[in-house]
């Protein structure tokens, strides 16, 4: 969650919990920043959650996963093309 959403979440859970969650999120984001800036695998391996977070973030960058986007590619075009019948 971004900072604004974390602040809004304080209406649902305690501010102390939000602070802990924000700190944990920043730590995980820092690991990704280090990976990308150094362009090499870390000496100490990541836990499953860290790997999944990175993969989810990368997958969200794929235009097929954009909100309100309908991807039309080669397969979809072949369904309507006369040559595919």
C-alpha atoms as a PDB file:
ATOM      1  CA  UNK A   1       0.000   0.000   0.000  1.00  0.00           C
ATOM      2  CA  UNK A   2       1.105   3.531  -0.575  1.00  0.00           C
ATOM      3  CA  UNK A   3       1.414   6.096   2.219  1.00  0.00           C
ATOM      4  CA  UNK A   4      -2.069   7.532   1.646  1.00  0.00           C
ATOM      5  CA  UNK A   5      -3.723   4.123   1.901  1.00  0.00           C
ATOM      6  CA  UNK A   6      -1.714   3.287   5.005  1.00  0.00           C
ATOM      7  CA  UNK A   7      -2.931   6.493   6.631  1.00  0.00           C
ATOM      8  CA  UNK A   8      -6.516   5.650   5.713  1.00  0.00           C
ATOM      9  CA  UNK A   9      -6.082   2.160   7.157  1.00  0.00           C
ATOM     10  CA  UNK A  10      -5.465   3.743  10.555  1.00  0.00           C
ATOM     11  CA  UNK A  11      -9.237   4.065  10.757  1.00  0.00           C
ATOM     12  CA  UNK A  12      -9.453   0.270  10.711  1.00  0.00           C
ATOM     13  CA  UNK A  13      -6.499  -0.849  12.822  1.00  0.00           C
ATOM     14  CA  UNK A  14      -4.223   0.775  15.364  1.00  0.00           C
ATOM     15  CA  UNK A  15      -1.633   3.329  14.318  1.00  0.00           C
ATOM     16  CA  UNK A  16       1.070   1.182  15.926  1.00  0.00           C
ATOM     17  CA  UNK A  17       0.195  -1.722  13.621  1.00  0.00           C
ATOM     18  CA  UNK A  18       0.210   0.587  10.583  1.00  0.00           C
ATOM     19  CA  UNK A  19       3.675   1.849  11.582  1.00  0.00           C
ATOM     20  CA  UNK A  20       4.994  -1.703  11.843  1.00  0.00           C
ATOM     21  CA  UNK A  21       3.445  -2.640   8.495  1.00  0.00           C
ATOM     22  CA  UNK A  22       4.866   0.484   6.841  1.00  0.00           C
ATOM     23  CA  UNK A  23       8.332  -0.247   8.201  1.00  0.00           C
ATOM     24  CA  UNK A  24       8.144  -3.864   6.988  1.00  0.00           C
ATOM     25  CA  UNK A  25       6.996  -2.754   3.539  1.00  0.00           C
ATOM     26  CA  UNK A  26       9.825  -0.214   3.279  1.00  0.00           C
ATOM     27  CA  UNK A  27      12.342  -2.899   4.252  1.00  0.00           C
ATOM     28  CA  UNK A  28      11.051  -5.217   1.497  1.00  0.00           C
ATOM     29  CA  UNK A  29      11.050  -2.387  -1.046  1.00  0.00           C
ATOM     30  CA  UNK A  30      14.628  -1.597  -0.021  1.00  0.00           C
ATOM     31  CA  UNK A  31      15.663  -5.158  -0.858  1.00  0.00           C
ATOM     32  CA  UNK A  32      14.200  -4.773  -4.351  1.00  0.00           C
ATOM     33  CA  UNK A  33      15.932  -1.404  -4.750  1.00  0.00           C
ATOM     34  CA  UNK A  34      19.246  -2.997  -3.803  1.00  0.00           C
ATOM     35  CA  UNK A  35      18.699  -5.860  -6.249  1.00  0.00           C
ATOM     36  CA  UNK A  36      17.888  -3.515  -9.119  1.00  0.00           C
ATOM     37  CA  UNK A  37      20.626  -0.994  -8.403  1.00  0.00           C
ATOM     38  CA  UNK A  38      23.381  -3.576  -7.910  1.00  0.00           C
ATOM     39  CA  UNK A  39      22.080  -5.817 -10.721  1.00  0.00           C
ATOM     40  CA  UNK A  40      23.127  -8.963  -8.901  1.00  0.00           C
ATOM     41  CA  UNK A  41      21.591 -11.498  -6.579  1.00  0.00           C
ATOM     42  CA  UNK A  42      21.893 -10.762  -2.869  1.00  0.00           C
ATOM     43  CA  UNK A  43      24.433 -12.714  -0.824  1.00  0.00           C
ATOM     44  CA  UNK A  44      21.682 -13.708   1.591  1.00  0.00           C
ATOM     45  CA  UNK A  45      18.671 -15.399   0.004  1.00  0.00           C
ATOM     46  CA  UNK A  46      15.169 -13.977   0.152  1.00  0.00           C
ATOM     47  CA  UNK A  47      12.202 -15.590   1.818  1.00  0.00           C
ATOM     48  CA  UNK A  48       9.231 -16.761  -0.254  1.00  0.00           C
ATOM     49  CA  UNK A  49       7.188 -13.638   0.500  1.00  0.00           C
ATOM     50  CA  UNK A  50       9.942 -11.358  -0.811  1.00  0.00           C
ATOM     51  CA  UNK A  51      10.264 -13.344  -4.027  1.00  0.00           C
ATOM     52  CA  UNK A  52       6.497 -13.382  -4.515  1.00  0.00           C
ATOM     53  CA  UNK A  53       6.306  -9.627  -3.906  1.00  0.00           C
ATOM     54  CA  UNK A  54       8.923  -8.989  -6.581  1.00  0.00           C
ATOM     55  CA  UNK A  55       7.226 -11.314  -9.067  1.00  0.00           C
ATOM     56  CA  UNK A  56       3.795  -9.756  -8.424  1.00  0.00           C
ATOM     57  CA  UNK A  57       5.195  -6.259  -8.906  1.00  0.00           C
ATOM     58  CA  UNK A  58       6.894  -7.295 -12.144  1.00  0.00           C
ATOM     59  CA  UNK A  59       3.723  -8.998 -13.381  1.00  0.00           C
ATOM     60  CA  UNK A  60       1.706  -5.842 -12.705  1.00  0.00           C
ATOM     61  CA  UNK A  61       4.018  -3.998 -15.104  1.00  0.00           C
ATOM     62  CA  UNK A  62       2.770  -6.224 -17.950  1.00  0.00           C
ATOM     63  CA  UNK A  63       0.232  -4.318 -20.053  1.00  0.00           C
ATOM     64  CA  UNK A  64      -2.049  -7.377 -20.023  1.00  0.00           C
ATOM     65  CA  UNK A  65      -2.527  -6.750 -16.302  1.00  0.00           C
ATOM     66  CA  UNK A  66      -3.285  -3.025 -16.435  1.00  0.00           C
ATOM     67  CA  UNK A  67      -6.599  -2.008 -14.875  1.00  0.00           C
ATOM     68  CA  UNK A  68      -9.236  -1.079 -17.503  1.00  0.00           C
ATOM     69  CA  UNK A  69      -7.056  -2.423 -20.298  1.00  0.00           C
ATOM     70  CA  UNK A  70      -8.227  -5.029 -22.753  1.00  0.00           C
ATOM     71  CA  UNK A  71      -5.295  -6.572 -24.519  1.00  0.00           C
ATOM     72  CA  UNK A  72      -5.784  -7.683 -28.080  1.00  0.00           C
ATOM     73  CA  UNK A  73      -2.929  -9.652 -29.475  1.00  0.00           C
ATOM     74  CA  UNK A  74      -2.061 -12.204 -32.080  1.00  0.00           C
ATOM     75  CA  UNK A  75      -4.332 -14.934 -30.742  1.00  0.00           C
ATOM     76  CA  UNK A  76      -7.328 -12.641 -30.439  1.00  0.00           C
ATOM     77  CA  UNK A  77      -6.761 -11.290 -33.937  1.00  0.00           C
ATOM     78  CA  UNK A  78      -6.558 -14.791 -35.386  1.00  0.00           C
ATOM     79  CA  UNK A  79     -10.066 -15.564 -34.114  1.00  0.00           C
ATOM     80  CA  UNK A  80     -11.567 -12.829 -36.254  1.00  0.00           C
ATOM     81  CA  UNK A  81      -9.256 -13.065 -39.258  1.00  0.00           C
ATOM     82  CA  UNK A  82     -10.558 -14.793 -42.368  1.00  0.00           C
ATOM     83  CA  UNK A  83      -7.355 -16.786 -42.850  1.00  0.00           C
ATOM     84  CA  UNK A  84      -7.846 -18.593 -39.552  1.00  0.00           C
ATOM     85  CA  UNK A  85     -11.161 -20.178 -40.530  1.00  0.00           C
END
